[in-house]
Structures are given as structure tokens and as C-alpha cells.
Protein backbone atom coordinates (compact mmCIF):
# COMPACT_ATOMS: atom_id res chain seq x y z
CA MET A 1 -5.54 2.01 39.23
CA ASN A 2 -3.18 -0.45 39.90
CA HIS A 3 -5.62 -2.97 41.56
CA ILE A 4 -8.51 -2.33 38.81
CA LEU A 5 -5.36 -3.59 36.32
CA GLU A 6 -4.42 -6.04 38.78
CA ALA A 7 -7.61 -7.32 39.04
CA VAL A 8 -8.62 -7.78 35.34
CA HIS A 9 -5.03 -8.96 34.16
CA SER A 10 -5.57 -11.97 37.36
CA LYS A 11 -8.38 -13.04 35.19
CA ALA A 12 -6.23 -14.58 32.16
CA PRO A 13 -2.71 -13.83 33.04
CA HIS A 14 -0.91 -15.40 30.22
CA GLU A 15 -2.66 -13.39 27.73
CA THR A 16 0.22 -10.92 27.41
CA GLN A 17 -0.85 -8.66 24.50
CA PHE A 18 -3.92 -7.25 26.48
CA ILE A 19 -2.03 -7.23 29.46
CA ASN A 20 0.95 -4.71 27.18
CA ALA A 21 -2.16 -2.68 25.66
CA THR A 22 -3.97 -2.19 28.78
CA ASN A 23 -1.23 -1.16 30.78
CA GLU A 24 -0.11 1.26 28.52
CA PHE A 25 -3.45 2.94 28.34
CA VAL A 26 -3.76 3.28 32.12
CA SER A 27 -0.07 4.51 32.29
CA SER A 28 -0.50 7.12 30.22
CA LEU A 29 -3.40 8.55 32.06
CA GLU A 30 -2.53 8.42 35.66
CA GLY A 31 -4.37 10.57 37.44
CA LEU A 32 -7.21 11.25 34.59
CA VAL A 33 -9.34 8.46 34.80
CA ASP A 34 -12.49 8.06 36.68
CA GLU A 35 -12.06 4.88 38.36
CA SER A 36 -15.32 3.23 37.46
CA VAL A 37 -14.96 4.19 33.99
CA LEU A 38 -11.77 2.65 33.73
CA ASN A 39 -13.22 -0.76 35.06
CA VAL A 40 -15.66 -0.86 32.60
CA LEU A 41 -12.98 0.02 30.02
CA LEU A 42 -10.97 -2.47 31.07
CA ASN A 43 -13.77 -5.85 30.62
CA PRO A 44 -14.86 -6.42 27.53
CA GLU A 45 -18.61 -6.59 27.07
CA ARG A 46 -19.28 -9.92 25.50
CA ILE A 47 -16.62 -12.58 24.04
CA ILE A 48 -17.88 -15.41 21.78
CA GLN A 49 -16.01 -18.72 20.98
CA PHE A 50 -17.20 -20.98 18.62
CA SER A 51 -16.44 -23.94 16.45
CA VAL A 52 -16.01 -23.48 12.95
CA PRO A 53 -15.67 -27.19 11.08
CA TRP A 54 -15.57 -27.42 7.32
CA LEU A 55 -14.27 -29.61 4.53
CA ASP A 56 -10.41 -29.85 3.23
CA ARG A 57 -9.95 -30.90 -0.35
CA ASP A 58 -9.53 -34.07 0.24
CA GLY A 59 -13.15 -34.63 2.04
CA LYS A 60 -12.20 -34.88 5.32
CA THR A 61 -13.54 -32.90 8.54
CA GLN A 62 -10.97 -30.09 9.77
CA ILE A 63 -11.99 -27.54 12.86
CA ASN A 64 -11.20 -24.45 13.44
CA THR A 65 -11.68 -22.04 16.26
CA GLY A 66 -13.86 -18.49 15.71
CA TYR A 67 -14.01 -15.48 18.03
CA ARG A 68 -15.76 -12.44 17.88
CA VAL A 69 -15.01 -9.80 20.69
CA GLN A 70 -17.21 -7.33 21.32
CA TYR A 71 -15.49 -4.93 23.20
CA ASN A 72 -17.48 -1.80 24.19
CA GLY A 73 -20.77 -0.25 22.36
CA ALA A 74 -21.44 2.86 24.38
CA MET A 75 -20.74 4.93 21.10
CA GLY A 76 -22.70 3.03 18.58
CA PRO A 77 -22.55 -0.67 16.57
CA TYR A 78 -19.89 -2.66 17.15
CA LYS A 79 -16.54 -2.32 14.47
CA GLY A 80 -13.69 -4.10 13.53
CA GLY A 81 -12.04 -6.28 11.56
CA LEU A 82 -12.27 -10.45 10.97
CA ARG A 83 -8.55 -11.78 11.06
CA PHE A 84 -7.81 -15.49 9.50
CA ASP A 85 -4.12 -16.48 10.48
CA ALA A 86 -2.85 -19.30 12.68
CA SER A 87 -1.80 -16.40 15.38
CA VAL A 88 -4.99 -15.90 15.83
CA ASN A 89 -6.01 -16.39 20.03
CA LEU A 90 -8.31 -14.94 22.24
CA ASP A 91 -5.50 -13.04 23.64
CA ILE A 92 -4.99 -10.81 20.24
CA MET A 93 -8.47 -10.91 19.82
CA LYS A 94 -8.49 -9.25 23.29
CA PHE A 95 -6.27 -6.63 23.01
CA LEU A 96 -6.82 -5.52 18.95
CA ALA A 97 -10.68 -5.17 20.10
CA PHE A 98 -9.78 -2.86 23.17
CA GLU A 99 -7.46 -0.68 20.52
CA GLN A 100 -10.50 -0.27 17.62
CA THR A 101 -12.51 0.56 20.63
CA PHE A 102 -10.57 3.84 21.02
CA LYS A 103 -9.13 4.17 17.50
CA ASN A 104 -13.14 4.28 16.45
CA ALA A 105 -13.81 6.82 18.94
CA LEU A 106 -10.97 9.15 17.58
CA THR A 107 -12.66 9.52 14.31
CA GLY A 108 -15.86 11.12 15.42
CA ILE A 109 -17.90 8.27 13.79
CA PRO A 110 -20.54 6.81 16.42
CA MET A 111 -18.80 3.34 16.26
CA GLY A 112 -18.03 0.76 19.51
CA GLY A 113 -14.94 -1.72 18.81
CA ALA A 114 -14.56 -4.93 18.23
CA LYS A 115 -12.92 -7.50 16.75
CA GLY A 116 -12.92 -10.89 15.54
CA GLY A 117 -11.66 -13.78 13.60
CA SER A 118 -10.18 -17.23 13.61
CA ASP A 119 -6.60 -19.85 13.49
CA PHE A 120 -7.74 -20.55 9.92
CA ASN A 121 -4.75 -19.83 7.60
CA PRO A 122 -6.03 -19.24 4.07
CA LYS A 123 -2.39 -18.87 2.36
CA ASP A 124 -2.36 -22.64 1.96
CA LYS A 125 -6.01 -23.52 1.24
CA THR A 126 -7.50 -23.45 -2.24
CA GLU A 127 -10.49 -21.36 -3.25
CA ALA A 128 -13.20 -23.79 -2.47
CA GLU A 129 -11.42 -24.79 0.67
CA ILE A 130 -11.93 -20.79 1.32
CA LEU A 131 -15.61 -20.41 0.40
CA THR A 132 -16.21 -23.59 2.49
CA PHE A 133 -15.27 -22.01 5.49
CA CYS A 134 -16.22 -18.41 4.77
CA GLN A 135 -20.02 -20.35 4.90
CA SER A 136 -19.35 -22.17 7.91
CA PHE A 137 -17.56 -18.88 9.96
CA MET A 138 -20.60 -16.84 9.29
CA THR A 139 -23.24 -19.40 9.68
CA GLU A 140 -22.19 -19.14 12.89
CA LEU A 141 -21.44 -15.77 13.21
CA HIS A 142 -24.09 -14.11 11.62
CA ASN A 143 -26.13 -14.71 15.08
CA HIS A 144 -24.44 -12.08 16.65
CA ILE A 145 -23.98 -9.02 13.91
CA GLY A 146 -26.21 -7.10 12.37
CA ALA A 147 -26.30 -2.96 10.47
CA ARG A 148 -27.45 -1.54 13.84
CA ILE A 149 -25.67 -4.15 16.11
CA ASP A 150 -21.96 -5.34 15.01
CA VAL A 151 -20.52 -4.02 11.58
CA PRO A 152 -17.48 -6.41 10.93
CA ALA A 153 -14.95 -5.70 8.04
CA GLY A 154 -11.74 -7.22 6.75
CA ASP A 155 -8.51 -7.31 8.17
CA MET A 156 -5.46 -10.20 7.86
CA GLY A 157 -6.16 -12.93 5.51
CA VAL A 158 -9.49 -11.36 4.82
CA GLY A 159 -9.51 -9.45 1.92
CA ALA A 160 -12.51 -8.36 -0.67
CA ARG A 161 -12.73 -12.60 -1.96
CA GLU A 162 -13.25 -13.65 1.59
CA ILE A 163 -15.81 -10.56 2.46
CA GLY A 164 -17.77 -11.71 -0.40
CA TYR A 165 -17.84 -14.79 0.42
CA LEU A 166 -18.89 -13.76 4.18
CA TYR A 167 -21.54 -11.42 2.98
CA GLY A 168 -23.04 -13.78 0.93
CA GLN A 169 -23.60 -16.39 3.14
CA TYR A 170 -24.54 -13.89 5.77
CA ARG A 171 -27.63 -12.90 2.86
CA ARG A 172 -28.67 -16.66 2.71
CA LEU A 173 -29.29 -17.28 5.91
CA THR A 174 -30.63 -13.39 6.76
CA HIS A 175 -32.37 -13.01 3.64
CA SER A 176 -31.54 -9.28 4.29
CA ASN A 177 -29.03 -6.89 2.17
CA GLU A 178 -28.27 -4.85 5.14
CA GLY A 179 -24.91 -3.20 5.25
CA VAL A 180 -23.29 -5.82 7.52
CA LEU A 181 -20.14 -6.06 6.69
CA THR A 182 -17.80 -3.28 5.17
CA GLY A 183 -14.85 -3.64 3.17
CA LYS A 184 -17.45 -5.04 0.14
CA ASP A 185 -16.58 -4.48 -3.37
CA VAL A 186 -18.52 -1.27 -4.78
CA SER A 187 -21.08 -3.47 -6.89
CA PHE A 188 -22.89 -4.53 -3.98
CA GLY A 189 -22.27 -1.76 -1.51
CA GLY A 190 -18.52 -1.05 -0.91
CA ALA A 191 -17.29 2.11 -0.77
CA LEU A 192 -14.78 3.64 -3.46
CA GLY A 193 -11.87 4.53 -1.71
CA ARG A 194 -11.90 1.96 0.86
CA PRO A 195 -8.77 -0.52 -0.11
CA GLU A 196 -6.87 3.31 -0.09
CA ALA A 197 -7.87 4.34 3.13
CA THR A 198 -5.67 3.06 6.13
CA GLY A 199 -2.07 3.81 3.74
CA TYR A 200 -3.66 7.23 2.54
CA GLY A 201 -4.85 8.03 5.81
CA LEU A 202 -1.52 7.27 7.28
CA LEU A 203 0.16 9.58 5.28
CA TYR A 204 -2.81 12.18 5.85
CA ILE A 205 -1.85 12.57 9.46
CA VAL A 206 2.30 12.47 8.97
CA GLU A 207 1.35 15.18 6.28
CA GLU A 208 -0.11 16.89 9.25
CA LEU A 209 2.40 16.54 11.49
CA LEU A 210 4.87 17.40 9.21
CA LYS A 211 3.43 20.80 8.36
CA ASP A 212 2.69 21.79 11.87
CA LEU A 213 6.65 21.42 12.51
CA GLU A 214 7.35 23.54 8.97
CA VAL A 215 8.48 20.59 7.28
CA SER A 216 7.83 19.63 3.57
CA ILE A 217 7.64 15.82 3.07
CA GLU A 218 9.25 16.90 -0.48
CA ASP A 219 12.01 14.42 -0.55
CA LYS A 220 11.79 12.85 2.64
CA VAL A 221 13.55 9.40 2.58
CA VAL A 222 10.81 6.85 3.81
CA ILE A 223 10.37 3.31 4.38
CA VAL A 224 7.80 0.84 4.68
CA SER A 225 7.42 -2.64 6.40
CA GLY A 226 5.02 -4.67 4.84
CA SER A 227 3.89 -5.28 1.06
CA GLY A 228 0.04 -6.06 1.48
CA ASN A 229 -2.53 -3.79 1.53
CA VAL A 230 -1.89 -0.66 3.39
CA ALA A 231 1.64 -0.69 2.74
CA ILE A 232 1.69 -0.60 -0.57
CA HIS A 233 -1.16 2.40 -0.30
CA ALA A 234 0.94 4.11 2.33
CA ALA A 235 4.00 3.76 -0.13
CA HIS A 236 2.07 5.23 -3.58
CA LYS A 237 0.56 8.35 -1.43
CA ALA A 238 3.82 8.94 0.12
CA VAL A 239 5.43 9.03 -3.66
CA SER A 240 2.71 10.43 -4.94
CA MET A 241 3.41 13.78 -2.19
CA GLY A 242 6.84 13.72 -3.24
CA ALA A 243 8.62 11.46 -0.62
CA LYS A 244 10.97 8.47 -1.79
CA VAL A 245 10.18 5.12 -0.67
CA VAL A 246 13.63 3.06 -0.73
CA ALA A 247 12.78 0.17 1.20
CA MET A 248 9.60 -2.22 1.91
CA SER A 249 9.94 -5.40 3.39
CA ASP A 250 8.04 -9.14 3.34
CA ARG A 251 8.62 -12.09 6.26
CA SER A 252 12.43 -12.66 4.89
CA GLY A 253 14.13 -9.62 3.95
CA TYR A 254 13.40 -6.41 2.02
CA VAL A 255 13.73 -5.10 -1.38
CA TYR A 256 15.95 -1.70 -1.20
CA ASP A 257 16.87 1.03 -3.97
CA GLU A 258 18.62 3.99 -2.60
CA ASN A 259 17.12 5.30 -5.47
CA GLY A 260 13.70 4.80 -4.76
CA LEU A 261 11.46 1.47 -5.83
CA ASP A 262 8.29 1.75 -8.31
CA ILE A 263 5.87 1.43 -5.97
CA SER A 264 3.49 0.41 -9.20
CA ASP A 265 5.53 -2.49 -10.41
CA ILE A 266 5.43 -3.90 -6.77
CA GLN A 267 2.43 -3.53 -6.61
CA LYS A 268 1.70 -5.80 -9.89
CA HIS A 269 4.34 -8.22 -8.51
CA LYS A 270 1.80 -8.65 -5.20
CA GLN A 271 -1.39 -8.94 -6.94
CA LYS A 272 0.06 -11.62 -8.66
CA GLY A 273 0.51 -13.72 -5.31
CA ASN A 274 4.59 -13.48 -5.90
CA SER A 275 7.10 -12.89 -2.87
CA LEU A 276 9.21 -9.89 -2.86
CA LYS A 277 12.02 -12.06 -2.69
CA GLU A 278 11.16 -13.00 -6.60
CA TYR A 279 10.62 -9.18 -7.47
CA GLU A 280 13.51 -8.28 -10.06
CA GLY A 281 13.18 -4.79 -9.99
CA ALA A 282 15.37 -3.97 -6.64
CA LYS A 283 17.86 -5.54 -4.30
CA TYR A 284 16.66 -7.89 -2.20
CA ILE A 285 18.79 -8.12 1.06
CA TYR A 286 17.58 -11.41 2.72
CA ASP A 287 17.46 -12.07 6.80
CA HIS A 288 18.64 -8.26 7.26
CA ARG A 289 15.92 -6.11 9.43
CA ILE A 290 14.39 -2.88 7.47
CA TRP A 291 14.77 -0.75 10.24
CA ASN A 292 18.42 -0.84 9.86
CA VAL A 293 17.98 1.47 6.53
CA PRO A 294 18.70 5.35 7.15
CA CYS A 295 14.92 7.22 6.50
CA ASP A 296 13.95 10.50 7.62
CA ILE A 297 10.18 8.75 8.30
CA ALA A 298 9.57 4.90 9.37
CA LEU A 299 5.89 3.70 8.77
CA PRO A 300 5.87 0.07 10.31
CA CYS A 301 2.49 -1.67 8.14
CA ALA A 302 2.86 -4.91 8.84
CA THR A 303 2.36 -6.55 12.26
CA GLN A 304 2.48 -6.25 16.14
CA ASN A 305 5.51 -6.33 17.78
CA GLU A 306 7.69 -6.03 14.88
CA ILE A 307 10.16 -2.87 16.06
CA ASN A 308 11.57 -4.14 19.41
CA GLU A 309 14.28 -1.39 20.91
CA HIS A 310 16.83 -2.63 19.05
CA ASP A 311 15.03 -1.51 16.19
CA VAL A 312 14.44 2.26 17.85
CA LYS A 313 18.36 2.72 18.23
CA ALA A 314 18.99 1.35 14.76
CA LEU A 315 16.39 3.85 12.91
CA VAL A 316 17.38 6.77 15.81
CA ILE A 317 21.22 6.71 14.93
CA ASN A 318 20.28 6.72 10.69
CA GLY A 319 18.51 9.80 11.20
CA CYS A 320 14.39 8.62 11.83
CA LYS A 321 12.54 12.27 13.01
CA VAL A 322 9.31 10.40 12.48
CA ILE A 323 7.33 6.72 13.29
CA ALA A 324 4.01 6.24 12.37
CA GLU A 325 2.03 3.47 12.62
CA GLY A 326 0.14 1.54 10.08
CA ALA A 327 -0.10 -1.87 11.49
CA ASN A 328 -1.75 -2.53 15.22
CA ARG A 329 0.97 -1.97 18.20
CA PRO A 330 3.90 -2.01 15.39
CA LEU A 331 5.93 -1.32 18.22
CA THR A 332 6.91 -3.52 21.54
CA PRO A 333 6.06 -1.82 25.04
CA GLU A 334 10.28 -1.80 25.04
CA ALA A 335 10.31 0.15 21.66
CA VAL A 336 7.55 2.39 22.67
CA ASP A 337 9.54 3.72 26.02
CA LEU A 338 12.56 4.25 24.02
CA VAL A 339 10.95 6.15 21.61
CA ALA A 340 9.15 7.93 24.41
CA ILE A 341 13.00 9.20 25.46
CA SER A 342 13.65 10.04 21.57
CA ASP A 343 13.68 12.90 19.41
CA VAL A 344 11.82 10.87 17.20
CA TYR A 345 8.15 12.01 16.70
CA TYR A 346 6.04 8.98 17.23
CA ILE A 347 1.92 8.86 16.40
CA PRO A 348 0.49 5.33 17.58
CA GLY A 349 -1.29 3.05 15.41
CA LYS A 350 -4.75 3.99 17.11
CA ALA A 351 -4.43 7.73 15.56
CA ALA A 352 -2.17 6.37 12.71
CA ASN A 353 -4.29 4.04 10.70
CA ALA A 354 -7.98 5.04 11.83
CA GLY A 355 -7.90 6.01 8.28
CA GLY A 356 -9.50 2.28 7.10
CA VAL A 357 -12.34 2.33 9.65
CA ALA A 358 -12.96 5.96 8.93
CA VAL A 359 -13.76 5.01 5.56
CA SER A 360 -15.65 2.23 6.83
CA GLY A 361 -17.89 3.77 8.65
CA LEU A 362 -18.58 6.29 5.74
CA GLU A 363 -19.28 2.77 3.91
CA MET A 364 -22.00 2.38 6.81
CA SER A 365 -23.34 5.63 6.52
CA GLN A 366 -23.44 5.61 2.10
CA ASN A 367 -25.26 1.48 3.17
CA ALA A 368 -28.01 3.44 5.42
CA GLN A 369 -29.06 6.13 2.75
CA MET A 370 -28.93 3.57 -0.22
CA ARG A 371 -25.86 5.72 -1.93
CA ARG A 372 -23.02 5.50 -3.25
CA PHE A 373 -20.19 8.43 -2.10
CA SER A 374 -17.74 8.99 -5.02
CA PHE A 375 -14.08 7.94 -4.90
CA GLU A 376 -13.08 12.25 -4.21
CA GLU A 377 -16.05 12.42 -2.13
CA VAL A 378 -14.58 9.38 0.73
CA ASP A 379 -11.12 10.75 -0.27
CA ALA A 380 -11.72 14.35 1.19
CA GLU A 381 -13.32 13.28 4.10
CA LEU A 382 -10.93 10.85 4.81
CA LYS A 383 -8.70 13.99 4.79
CA ASN A 384 -10.61 15.88 7.01
CA ILE A 385 -11.36 13.30 9.73
CA MET A 386 -7.18 12.47 9.97
CA LYS A 387 -7.00 16.37 10.35
CA ARG A 388 -9.28 16.28 13.23
CA ILE A 389 -7.50 13.20 14.69
CA TYR A 390 -4.17 15.13 14.55
CA THR A 391 -5.97 18.11 15.90
CA ASP A 392 -7.50 16.56 18.87
CA ILE A 393 -4.51 14.16 19.69
CA LYS A 394 -2.34 17.13 19.83
CA GLU A 395 -4.52 19.53 22.07
CA SER A 396 -4.85 16.34 24.33
CA SER A 397 -1.30 16.14 24.95
CA GLU A 398 -1.01 19.87 24.91
CA SER A 399 -3.80 20.08 27.67
CA GLN A 400 -1.38 18.05 29.72
CA GLY A 401 1.92 19.82 29.32
CA GLN A 402 3.08 17.34 27.22
CA PRO A 403 3.23 18.68 23.52
CA TYR A 404 3.49 16.18 21.18
CA ASN A 405 3.38 12.97 23.21
CA PHE A 406 0.76 11.34 21.10
CA ILE A 407 0.08 8.42 23.23
CA LEU A 408 -1.10 10.26 26.20
CA GLY A 409 -3.14 12.63 23.89
CA ALA A 410 -4.64 9.61 21.54
CA ASN A 411 -5.51 7.89 24.85
CA LEU A 412 -6.81 10.98 26.58
CA SER A 413 -9.24 11.70 23.71
CA ALA A 414 -10.71 8.92 22.69
CA TYR A 415 -10.56 8.19 26.60
CA GLN A 416 -12.80 11.38 27.23
CA LYS A 417 -15.18 10.36 24.18
CA ILE A 418 -15.99 7.03 24.94
CA ALA A 419 -16.35 7.97 29.19
CA ARG A 420 -19.04 10.87 28.33
CA SER A 421 -21.02 8.49 26.42
CA ILE A 422 -21.08 5.85 29.14
CA LYS A 423 -21.86 8.01 31.78
CA LEU A 424 -24.84 9.56 29.87
CA GLN A 425 -26.06 6.09 29.63
CA GLY A 426 -26.58 5.46 32.82
CA VAL A 427 -23.79 2.49 32.79
CA LEU A 428 -22.14 3.39 35.98
């Protein structure tokens, strides 16, 4: 298999994120994959790159780059988020689309994998600039998507506001009200429970692990990196289950209260556009790593590569027993290697944070049926999906004599689903 990897990596040797993701996948499944299938899976089916011109507040034309990587559609329409952030480049888009393909397969919902976005940073832009950019972005993207072709969603920098602007432009261009985007407002086809889904799903799969270990989540000490949508709802759900969230972070540091944070108060604070360092409800620790805080459960929910091997050492020393990824690949490859030889249970993001895309799949379903599911229906189905994912990845790891190796379990379970679809459709 190494010769296949080398051939793929030689095409873009500077794409370190994609190289790391594919290396981990292949090394975890040594001797378990069909080389012909692997060759298909290591090459995205379609890469779309385009210019996005827009007018800034001074009337000057700015140009950003837009991307859509339609990675693999063997299991259904391409599905994956759009990210607007200065860090966006083709390497990150390919790595995220690769991960998304396997994550979507684990949900059991017929969806392929994709990812897209732009190096546009909405954080320092006016409302009018964001609207203008979204309309220009969709003017090109609409040529490549559709309810049965490719269904984007939100991601970093793309929330309900941006989804609304993108959807409005899609309607104007196509004269269609199809469910081509998920994460929409409920007034025009969005799913109740979608904002909560990734964070809630993260806790549902952690709960399944703890049940399996015959341990209760009650009174467990939890730390959550980030303070955005996923982090806030993961923290809310952890507290509702009886755990104590003692720390949450942002780019400059973290807030800490050994008695437990008031998550609702933090959420209100963030909704006003304030940073955590301005929050007065708990002590703010500047320029320190949240991973030094003693805990039972660590939930990285911020961004990729936020936990390195030194952070893992600190977590282990301070008693952490579970790491579950709310973000996409928040552990560096070195951190993953160290976790593998520790006594920490580790649930990778393609399984742990699949709740968001699972509920996006439910939104696609309700759009196709022209109906609306209740919050209770969505939440119950989300919980069932996360239970099935846990059962699948555990059974897959056990089938190889490596119980609780959830990297192996997640990769093998997802690979088998996608490989079957590829072979049955005569792609090979």
C-alpha cells in the first residue's frame, strides 16, 4: 500500500494535512484493504477552485479563492460543510473532505463526502460585505451543487446568517426551493436540533463508552476547548448529564472555575460577540493551555492540531481518562501516537463529531418529504445514530483483536461500507 500512498503524495508533497490524514488511515488498516479500492479512496473525484470577487466597504474590488472538493460520492450525494476562514487552502479542504467521506459513511445515511469554503475572513467584515461575498461565492458554487448532487452546510465562519445569504442567492439563480443547503433556519426548511447536534452527539457517544466501561458520567470533571457552537452545546449536554465543566477556551486562553462554569451565562456572553477574556463570571487564564487543567474527560472542540504530544502528557498526568474529538483532527499525529500507548480512551472525530452531519442528513430527508420533524424526533434519532456508530466502531476494533482501538474501528467500519458501494457500482 505504501507505493499507492507515495504516488498520491508525490502529486502535492506540500499538502501536509492531507498527507497526515491519509497516512493515519492507511497505517491503521494495514493488510485489511483492497489496493484497488484504496487507490480510488486516496484520490478525490472532483476538485473545484474558483475566484470570488466582491466589493468592500470602500467600493474596492477584493478577490478571494473558493473551493469545493467533492471527494467521493459512492454512497450518495456529496455532503460536507463550507468554511470561511483565512486559513483555508486546498490542503485543508482535501483533508477535511477525506475525513468527511468516512464520517458520513459511519452515520449509515446515504451520503458521500465533500468540503468547501474560502480564505475569506468574516470576523472583520461588515454585514454588507459578508452578504456581498456570500452572493458572489454562490454565483459560482451553484453550478456544482444540488439536492441530489452535493449538499453543503455550515462550518467555521459559516453560521445561520451565511447559510441564509447563500441559500437566498441559490434560489435567485435557480428558481428552486430544493433542500440544497443544510443548517438553514427552520422557517425555510431547517431542522430543529441542528445547532445542538454536533455537541450533543459528542456527549451521546461518550455516554455509550462510559456505559460500556460501567462508569457514570455524573460528577465527572470535563474541559472543553473552544467556545463556539459545538463547544457550547457539548458543555450544555455534559452539564445536563450531571458532569461538571470547569474550563472552556478561546484563542487567548481559557476561563476556569473548579466548581463548574455557568454555561448558559457564557453562551449569552458569546452571543453578544464578546471574547472569553471579557467574561466576568470566572477567572480568565491568559496564554496557557487548557490541557493543563486536571479533568476526567477532555473534549477538543476548537480546530485541527490543537493538541500536541506535550498536551497529551499533561492530560495523562492530570488524570484524564477520555478524549473525544468535537473538532476535526484536533490531535496532531504525534499526539495520536502517544494516546495509543496510554490508558486514555480516545474517540476520533470521524465518529465522535458525526452528530452534526447525521442531523444534516435528517434535514435533507425532511426537505425531500416536505415536512418538519420535531426537536424530540431529531434528538432521539441523533442518539440512536451515535449509539449505532459506537457499536460499529467497537465491534470492528474487536474483530481485529484490538478492543477500544477506535481509530482502527472507525476507519475499518467506514472503509467497509464505502468499499462495498464502490465495488457494487462497478467503479473498479
